[in-house]
Amino acid sequence: MKEALAQLGIKATNDGTSTGQNNFSNGEILESYSPVDGQLIATVKTTTAADYEKSNAKPQPKHLKHFV
């Protein structure tokens, strides 16, 4: 399974916030376990309110502005 996760870019600990170009997070750690064997798959750092604000503060490219 580790090989498949590596191909997908899944690390042991992953950031839960993304701007599309940058990944970051400062929240609590969530653990994800396999329903098959109960082994830990990976962990994810959750998004804080400050992370959310930071992810939305970055100016959007012109072609995405109509989505905001």
PDB file of N, CA and C in Angstrom:
ATOM      1  N   MET A   1       0.818  -1.190   0.000  1.00  0.00           N
ATOM      2  CA  MET A   1       0.000   0.000   0.000  1.00  0.00           C
ATOM      3  C   MET A   1       0.863   1.255   0.000  1.00  0.00           C
ATOM      4  N   LYS A   2       2.007   1.230   0.674  1.00  0.00           N
ATOM      5  CA  LYS A   2       2.851   2.423   0.747  1.00  0.00           C
ATOM      6  C   LYS A   2       3.301   2.877  -0.639  1.00  0.00           C
ATOM      7  N   GLU A   3       3.543   1.921  -1.524  1.00  0.00           N
ATOM      8  CA  GLU A   3       3.962   2.267  -2.884  1.00  0.00           C
ATOM      9  C   GLU A   3       2.842   3.003  -3.624  1.00  0.00           C
ATOM     10  N   ALA A   4       1.618   2.528  -3.488  1.00  0.00           N
ATOM     11  CA  ALA A   4       0.473   3.177  -4.137  1.00  0.00           C
ATOM     12  C   ALA A   4       0.259   4.578  -3.574  1.00  0.00           C
ATOM     13  N   LEU A   5       0.380   4.733  -2.251  1.00  0.00           N
ATOM     14  CA  LEU A   5       0.216   6.047  -1.629  1.00  0.00           C
ATOM     15  C   LEU A   5       1.303   7.013  -2.097  1.00  0.00           C
ATOM     16  N   ALA A   6       2.534   6.506  -2.231  1.00  0.00           N
ATOM     17  CA  ALA A   6       3.639   7.342  -2.696  1.00  0.00           C
ATOM     18  C   ALA A   6       3.380   7.825  -4.124  1.00  0.00           C
ATOM     19  N   GLN A   7       2.833   6.960  -4.970  1.00  0.00           N
ATOM     20  CA  GLN A   7       2.518   7.354  -6.345  1.00  0.00           C
ATOM     21  C   GLN A   7       1.454   8.448  -6.381  1.00  0.00           C
ATOM     22  N   LEU A   8       0.577   8.464  -5.385  1.00  0.00           N
ATOM     23  CA  LEU A   8      -0.468   9.485  -5.295  1.00  0.00           C
ATOM     24  C   LEU A   8       0.000  10.748  -4.584  1.00  0.00           C
ATOM     25  N   GLY A   9       1.233  10.735  -4.082  1.00  0.00           N
ATOM     26  CA  GLY A   9       1.764  11.899  -3.382  1.00  0.00           C
ATOM     27  C   GLY A   9       1.336  11.977  -1.932  1.00  0.00           C
ATOM     28  N   ILE A  10       0.829  10.869  -1.378  1.00  0.00           N
ATOM     29  CA  ILE A  10       0.408  10.828   0.020  1.00  0.00           C
ATOM     30  C   ILE A  10       1.628  10.539   0.889  1.00  0.00           C
ATOM     31  N   LYS A  11       1.879  11.437   1.839  1.00  0.00           N
ATOM     32  CA  LYS A  11       3.010  11.274   2.758  1.00  0.00           C
ATOM     33  C   LYS A  11       2.497  10.753   4.095  1.00  0.00           C
ATOM     34  N   ALA A  12       3.391  10.508   5.026  1.00  0.00           N
ATOM     35  CA  ALA A  12       2.997  10.039   6.358  1.00  0.00           C
ATOM     36  C   ALA A  12       2.110  11.079   7.038  1.00  0.00           C
ATOM     37  N   THR A  13       2.455  12.366   6.896  1.00  0.00           N
ATOM     38  CA  THR A  13       1.639  13.474   7.409  1.00  0.00           C
ATOM     39  C   THR A  13       1.394  14.450   6.267  1.00  0.00           C
ATOM     40  N   ASN A  14       0.123  14.827   6.075  1.00  0.00           N
ATOM     41  CA  ASN A  14      -0.278  15.666   4.949  1.00  0.00           C
ATOM     42  C   ASN A  14      -0.988  16.923   5.433  1.00  0.00           C
ATOM     43  N   ASP A  15      -0.789  18.015   4.698  1.00  0.00           N
ATOM     44  CA  ASP A  15      -1.458  19.270   5.029  1.00  0.00           C
ATOM     45  C   ASP A  15      -2.892  19.245   4.515  1.00  0.00           C
ATOM     46  N   GLY A  16      -3.810  19.783   5.296  1.00  0.00           N
ATOM     47  CA  GLY A  16      -5.213  19.780   4.934  1.00  0.00           C
ATOM     48  C   GLY A  16      -5.704  21.054   4.275  1.00  0.00           C
ATOM     49  N   THR A  17      -4.826  22.037   4.080  1.00  0.00           N
ATOM     50  CA  THR A  17      -5.200  23.308   3.464  1.00  0.00           C
ATOM     51  C   THR A  17      -4.374  23.505   2.204  1.00  0.00           C
ATOM     52  N   SER A  18      -5.021  23.992   1.142  1.00  0.00           N
ATOM     53  CA  SER A  18      -4.298  24.220  -0.104  1.00  0.00           C
ATOM     54  C   SER A  18      -4.860  25.431  -0.828  1.00  0.00           C
ATOM     55  N   THR A  19      -3.966  26.188  -1.455  1.00  0.00           N
ATOM     56  CA  THR A  19      -4.380  27.291  -2.319  1.00  0.00           C
ATOM     57  C   THR A  19      -4.403  26.829  -3.770  1.00  0.00           C
ATOM     58  N   GLY A  20      -4.028  25.590  -3.992  1.00  0.00           N
ATOM     59  CA  GLY A  20      -3.872  25.075  -5.345  1.00  0.00           C
ATOM     60  C   GLY A  20      -2.416  25.088  -5.765  1.00  0.00           C
ATOM     61  N   GLN A  21      -1.647  25.983  -5.134  1.00  0.00           N
ATOM     62  CA  GLN A  21      -0.212  26.068  -5.398  1.00  0.00           C
ATOM     63  C   GLN A  21       0.601  25.766  -4.148  1.00  0.00           C
ATOM     64  N   ASN A  22       0.059  26.083  -2.981  1.00  0.00           N
ATOM     65  CA  ASN A  22       0.755  25.868  -1.718  1.00  0.00           C
ATOM     66  C   ASN A  22      -0.118  25.047  -0.780  1.00  0.00           C
ATOM     67  N   ASN A  23       0.506  24.121  -0.078  1.00  0.00           N
ATOM     68  CA  ASN A  23      -0.179  23.312   0.923  1.00  0.00           C
ATOM     69  C   ASN A  23       0.382  23.666   2.292  1.00  0.00           C
ATOM     70  N   PHE A  24      -0.502  23.841   3.271  1.00  0.00           N
ATOM     71  CA  PHE A  24      -0.084  24.171   4.631  1.00  0.00           C
ATOM     72  C   PHE A  24      -1.238  23.865   5.566  1.00  0.00           C
ATOM     73  N   SER A  25      -0.970  23.754   6.826  1.00  0.00           N
ATOM     74  CA  SER A  25      -1.991  23.569   7.863  1.00  0.00           C
ATOM     75  C   SER A  25      -1.333  23.671   9.222  1.00  0.00           C
ATOM     76  N   ASN A  26      -2.102  24.163  10.185  1.00  0.00           N
ATOM     77  CA  ASN A  26      -1.594  24.310  11.544  1.00  0.00           C
ATOM     78  C   ASN A  26      -2.547  23.738  12.577  1.00  0.00           C
ATOM     79  N   GLY A  27      -3.506  22.947  12.127  1.00  0.00           N
ATOM     80  CA  GLY A  27      -4.510  22.416  13.032  1.00  0.00           C
ATOM     81  C   GLY A  27      -4.124  21.087  13.658  1.00  0.00           C
ATOM     82  N   GLU A  28      -5.118  20.498  14.289  1.00  0.00           N
ATOM     83  CA  GLU A  28      -4.932  19.207  14.947  1.00  0.00           C
ATOM     84  C   GLU A  28      -4.659  18.119  13.910  1.00  0.00           C
ATOM     85  N   ILE A  29      -4.096  17.035  14.374  1.00  0.00           N
ATOM     86  CA  ILE A  29      -3.788  15.894  13.518  1.00  0.00           C
ATOM     87  C   ILE A  29      -4.950  14.905  13.535  1.00  0.00           C
ATOM     88  N   LEU A  30      -5.405  14.522  12.343  1.00  0.00           N
ATOM     89  CA  LEU A  30      -6.396  13.457  12.200  1.00  0.00           C
ATOM     90  C   LEU A  30      -5.679  12.230  11.664  1.00  0.00           C
ATOM     91  N   GLU A  31      -6.022  11.077  12.184  1.00  0.00           N
ATOM     92  CA  GLU A  31      -5.420   9.832  11.719  1.00  0.00           C
ATOM     93  C   GLU A  31      -6.420   9.085  10.854  1.00  0.00           C
ATOM     94  N   SER A  32      -5.930   8.528   9.742  1.00  0.00           N
ATOM     95  CA  SER A  32      -6.776   7.755   8.831  1.00  0.00           C
ATOM     96  C   SER A  32      -6.312   6.297   8.870  1.00  0.00           C
ATOM     97  N   TYR A  33      -7.253   5.410   9.181  1.00  0.00           N
ATOM     98  CA  TYR A  33      -6.947   3.980   9.305  1.00  0.00           C
ATOM     99  C   TYR A  33      -7.629   3.177   8.214  1.00  0.00           C
ATOM    100  N   SER A  34      -6.986   2.111   7.799  1.00  0.00           N
ATOM    101  CA  SER A  34      -7.545   1.212   6.802  1.00  0.00           C
ATOM    102  C   SER A  34      -8.713   0.431   7.393  1.00  0.00           C
ATOM    103  N   PRO A  35      -9.843   0.395   6.685  1.00  0.00           N
ATOM    104  CA  PRO A  35     -10.963  -0.412   7.171  1.00  0.00           C
ATOM    105  C   PRO A  35     -10.707  -1.908   6.980  1.00  0.00           C
ATOM    106  N   VAL A  36      -9.710  -2.248   6.181  1.00  0.00           N
ATOM    107  CA  VAL A  36      -9.399  -3.647   5.907  1.00  0.00           C
ATOM    108  C   VAL A  36      -8.650  -4.290   7.065  1.00  0.00           C
ATOM    109  N   ASP A  37      -7.554  -3.636   7.508  1.00  0.00           N
ATOM    110  CA  ASP A  37      -6.727  -4.248   8.548  1.00  0.00           C
ATOM    111  C   ASP A  37      -6.497  -3.363   9.768  1.00  0.00           C
ATOM    112  N   GLY A  38      -7.080  -2.171   9.760  1.00  0.00           N
ATOM    113  CA  GLY A  38      -6.957  -1.283  10.912  1.00  0.00           C
ATOM    114  C   GLY A  38      -5.626  -0.574  11.038  1.00  0.00           C
ATOM    115  N   GLN A  39      -4.745  -0.720  10.063  1.00  0.00           N
ATOM    116  CA  GLN A  39      -3.442  -0.072  10.138  1.00  0.00           C
ATOM    117  C   GLN A  39      -3.550   1.397   9.739  1.00  0.00           C
ATOM    118  N   LEU A  40      -2.688   2.204  10.346  1.00  0.00           N
ATOM    119  CA  LEU A  40      -2.638   3.629  10.039  1.00  0.00           C
ATOM    120  C   LEU A  40      -2.200   3.824   8.592  1.00  0.00           C
ATOM    121  N   ILE A  41      -2.991   4.578   7.834  1.00  0.00           N
ATOM    122  CA  ILE A  41      -2.647   4.883   6.443  1.00  0.00           C
ATOM    123  C   ILE A  41      -1.784   6.140   6.408  1.00  0.00           C
ATOM    124  N   ALA A  42      -2.275   7.213   7.014  1.00  0.00           N
ATOM    125  CA  ALA A  42      -1.569   8.497   7.029  1.00  0.00           C
ATOM    126  C   ALA A  42      -2.275   9.422   8.010  1.00  0.00           C
ATOM    127  N   THR A  43      -1.675  10.574   8.242  1.00  0.00           N
ATOM    128  CA  THR A  43      -2.300  11.590   9.082  1.00  0.00           C
ATOM    129  C   THR A  43      -2.472  12.873   8.271  1.00  0.00           C
ATOM    130  N   VAL A  44      -3.447  13.684   8.685  1.00  0.00           N
ATOM    131  CA  VAL A  44      -3.741  14.950   8.013  1.00  0.00           C
ATOM    132  C   VAL A  44      -3.816  16.044   9.067  1.00  0.00           C
ATOM    133  N   LYS A  45      -3.088  17.148   8.812  1.00  0.00           N
ATOM    134  CA  LYS A  45      -3.194  18.317   9.681  1.00  0.00           C
ATOM    135  C   LYS A  45      -4.435  19.090   9.247  1.00  0.00           C
ATOM    136  N   THR A  46      -5.325  19.360  10.189  1.00  0.00           N
ATOM    137  CA  THR A  46      -6.571  20.043   9.867  1.00  0.00           C
ATOM    138  C   THR A  46      -6.349  21.539   9.630  1.00  0.00           C
ATOM    139  N   THR A  47      -7.339  22.161   9.032  1.00  0.00           N
ATOM    140  CA  THR A  47      -7.311  23.585   8.728  1.00  0.00           C
ATOM    141  C   THR A  47      -7.824  24.394   9.916  1.00  0.00           C
ATOM    142  N   THR A  48      -7.074  25.396  10.315  1.00  0.00           N
ATOM    143  CA  THR A  48      -7.516  26.305  11.373  1.00  0.00           C
ATOM    144  C   THR A  48      -8.240  27.493  10.725  1.00  0.00           C
ATOM    145  N   ALA A  49      -8.873  28.310  11.533  1.00  0.00           N
ATOM    146  CA  ALA A  49      -9.519  29.519  11.019  1.00  0.00           C
ATOM    147  C   ALA A  49      -8.482  30.424  10.354  1.00  0.00           C
ATOM    148  N   ALA A  50      -7.295  30.524  10.935  1.00  0.00           N
ATOM    149  CA  ALA A  50      -6.234  31.356  10.348  1.00  0.00           C
ATOM    150  C   ALA A  50      -5.766  30.776   9.010  1.00  0.00           C
ATOM    151  N   ASP A  51      -5.682  29.442   8.917  1.00  0.00           N
ATOM    152  CA  ASP A  51      -5.315  28.797   7.652  1.00  0.00           C
ATOM    153  C   ASP A  51      -6.346  29.116   6.578  1.00  0.00           C
ATOM    154  N   TYR A  52      -7.618  29.044   6.956  1.00  0.00           N
ATOM    155  CA  TYR A  52      -8.702  29.344   6.019  1.00  0.00           C
ATOM    156  C   TYR A  52      -8.579  30.772   5.491  1.00  0.00           C
ATOM    157  N   GLU A  53      -8.367  31.721   6.398  1.00  0.00           N
ATOM    158  CA  GLU A  53      -8.217  33.117   5.992  1.00  0.00           C
ATOM    159  C   GLU A  53      -7.007  33.296   5.079  1.00  0.00           C
ATOM    160  N   LYS A  54      -5.903  32.638   5.420  1.00  0.00           N
ATOM    161  CA  LYS A  54      -4.691  32.736   4.605  1.00  0.00           C
ATOM    162  C   LYS A  54      -4.935  32.159   3.210  1.00  0.00           C
ATOM    163  N   SER A  55      -5.663  31.056   3.131  1.00  0.00           N
ATOM    164  CA  SER A  55      -5.899  30.429   1.829  1.00  0.00           C
ATOM    165  C   SER A  55      -6.806  31.275   0.945  1.00  0.00           C
ATOM    166  N   ASN A  56      -7.639  32.103   1.541  1.00  0.00           N
ATOM    167  CA  ASN A  56      -8.539  32.951   0.777  1.00  0.00           C
ATOM    168  C   ASN A  56      -7.993  34.355   0.548  1.00  0.00           C
ATOM    169  N   ALA A  57      -6.887  34.700   1.189  1.00  0.00           N
ATOM    170  CA  ALA A  57      -6.316  36.042   1.069  1.00  0.00           C
ATOM    171  C   ALA A  57      -5.487  36.201  -0.196  1.00  0.00           C
ATOM    172  N   LYS A  58      -5.019  35.102  -0.740  1.00  0.00           N
ATOM    173  CA  LYS A  58      -4.153  35.164  -1.912  1.00  0.00           C
ATOM    174  C   LYS A  58      -4.967  35.575  -3.140  1.00  0.00           C
ATOM    175  N   PRO A  59      -4.487  36.556  -3.915  1.00  0.00           N
ATOM    176  CA  PRO A  59      -5.210  36.971  -5.122  1.00  0.00           C
ATOM    177  C   PRO A  59      -5.378  35.809  -6.094  1.00  0.00           C
ATOM    178  N   GLN A  60      -6.540  35.713  -6.707  1.00  0.00           N
ATOM    179  CA  GLN A  60      -6.829  34.662  -7.671  1.00  0.00           C
ATOM    180  C   GLN A  60      -6.371  35.081  -9.064  1.00  0.00           C
ATOM    181  N   PRO A  61      -5.913  34.115  -9.865  1.00  0.00           N
ATOM    182  CA  PRO A  61      -5.589  34.437 -11.265  1.00  0.00           C
ATOM    183  C   PRO A  61      -6.828  34.963 -11.986  1.00  0.00           C
ATOM    184  N   LYS A  62      -6.633  35.778 -12.999  1.00  0.00           N
ATOM    185  CA  LYS A  62      -7.742  36.421 -13.715  1.00  0.00           C
ATOM    186  C   LYS A  62      -8.770  35.414 -14.209  1.00  0.00           C
ATOM    187  N   HIS A  63      -8.325  34.262 -14.689  1.00  0.00           N
ATOM    188  CA  HIS A  63      -9.265  33.296 -15.258  1.00  0.00           C
ATOM    189  C   HIS A  63     -10.134  32.621 -14.182  1.00  0.00           C
ATOM    190  N   LEU A  64      -9.823  32.805 -12.899  1.00  0.00           N
ATOM    191  CA  LEU A  64     -10.622  32.214 -11.824  1.00  0.00           C
ATOM    192  C   LEU A  64     -11.482  33.237 -11.082  1.00  0.00           C
ATOM    193  N   LYS A  65     -11.300  34.515 -11.352  1.00  0.00           N
ATOM    194  CA  LYS A  65     -11.996  35.555 -10.596  1.00  0.00           C
ATOM    195  C   LYS A  65     -13.511  35.463 -10.697  1.00  0.00           C
ATOM    196  N   HIS A  66     -14.040  34.988 -11.791  1.00  0.00           N
ATOM    197  CA  HIS A  66     -15.493  34.905 -11.914  1.00  0.00           C
ATOM    198  C   HIS A  66     -16.085  33.801 -11.047  1.00  0.00           C
ATOM    199  N   PHE A  67     -15.255  32.906 -10.491  1.00  0.00           N
ATOM    200  CA  PHE A  67     -15.739  31.869  -9.597  1.00  0.00           C
ATOM    201  C   PHE A  67     -15.865  32.347  -8.155  1.00  0.00           C
ATOM    202  N   VAL A  68     -15.207  33.445  -7.825  1.00  0.00           N
ATOM    203  CA  VAL A  68     -15.177  33.920  -6.442  1.00  0.00           C
ATOM    204  C   VAL A  68     -16.388  34.751  -6.123  1.00  0.00           C
TER     205      VAL A  68
END
